[in-house]
Protein backbone atom coordinates (compact mmCIF):
# COMPACT_ATOMS: atom_id res chain seq x y z
CA MET A 1 -70.74 91.76 52.18
CA LYS A 2 -68.82 92.52 49.02
CA THR A 3 -65.78 94.79 48.90
CA GLU A 4 -66.04 98.48 48.12
CA ARG A 5 -64.66 97.91 44.63
CA GLU A 6 -67.15 95.12 43.94
CA LEU A 7 -70.08 97.25 45.15
CA LEU A 8 -69.00 100.21 43.00
CA SER A 9 -68.53 97.96 39.97
CA GLU A 10 -71.96 96.43 40.41
CA ALA A 11 -73.56 99.86 40.89
CA LEU A 12 -71.93 101.10 37.69
CA ARG A 13 -73.12 98.04 35.75
CA ASP A 14 -76.65 98.37 37.19
CA LEU A 15 -76.94 102.14 36.64
CA HIS A 16 -80.34 103.04 35.19
CA LYS A 17 -80.74 105.72 32.54
CA GLY A 18 -80.52 109.17 34.13
CA GLU A 19 -79.77 107.72 37.57
CA THR A 20 -77.06 109.07 39.87
CA ILE A 21 -74.28 106.89 41.20
CA GLU A 22 -75.49 107.72 44.71
CA ARG A 23 -78.88 106.16 44.09
CA ALA A 24 -77.46 103.13 42.26
CA LEU A 25 -74.90 102.50 44.99
CA GLY A 26 -77.53 102.83 47.71
CA ARG A 27 -79.65 100.21 45.97
CA ILE A 28 -76.71 97.82 45.59
CA VAL A 29 -75.54 98.25 49.19
CA ARG A 30 -79.06 97.52 50.46
CA ARG A 31 -79.35 94.52 48.13
CA HIS A 32 -76.28 93.00 49.77
CA GLY A 33 -77.40 93.73 53.33
CA GLY A 34 -75.14 96.72 53.85
CA THR A 35 -75.80 99.65 56.14
CA TYR A 36 -76.20 103.35 55.57
CA ASP A 37 -72.80 103.88 57.26
CA GLU A 38 -71.16 101.61 54.68
CA TYR A 39 -72.88 103.50 51.88
CA LEU A 40 -71.69 106.82 53.32
CA ARG A 41 -68.10 105.60 53.70
CA ILE A 42 -68.00 104.59 50.03
CA MET A 43 -69.66 107.80 48.80
CA VAL A 44 -67.29 110.00 50.82
CA GLY A 45 -64.42 108.30 48.98
CA VAL A 46 -66.11 108.80 45.61
CA ARG A 47 -66.81 112.47 46.30
CA ASP A 48 -63.26 113.08 47.55
CA VAL A 49 -61.78 111.65 44.35
CA ALA A 50 -64.26 113.61 42.23
CA ARG A 51 -63.38 116.86 43.97
CA LYS A 52 -59.59 116.36 43.99
CA GLU A 53 -59.38 115.28 40.36
CA THR A 54 -62.23 117.41 38.98
CA LEU A 55 -64.31 114.44 37.85
CA THR A 56 -67.99 113.68 37.88
CA PRO A 57 -69.11 111.28 40.61
CA ILE A 58 -69.63 108.54 38.01
CA GLU A 59 -66.11 109.02 36.62
CA ALA A 60 -64.69 108.94 40.15
CA ALA A 61 -66.62 105.75 40.92
CA ARG A 62 -65.24 104.14 37.76
CA ARG A 63 -61.71 105.10 38.76
CA LEU A 64 -62.15 103.68 42.28
CA ALA A 65 -63.75 100.49 40.94
CA GLN A 66 -60.70 99.90 38.73
CA ALA A 67 -58.09 100.74 41.38
């Protein structure tokens, strides 16, 4: 399984037009054999950053992918 940063980066690169980061990340996690719990753990982190820094979920995912 890839790291959280790698999964977020891949989800951002593979984002389809009009698609949410949640859906893209779910697809990428499944592609790499991850579980729903792993997906949730990553998305909780994305949503926390988005809320604390007043960002969109995609902006928060970009920030976490670069960290």
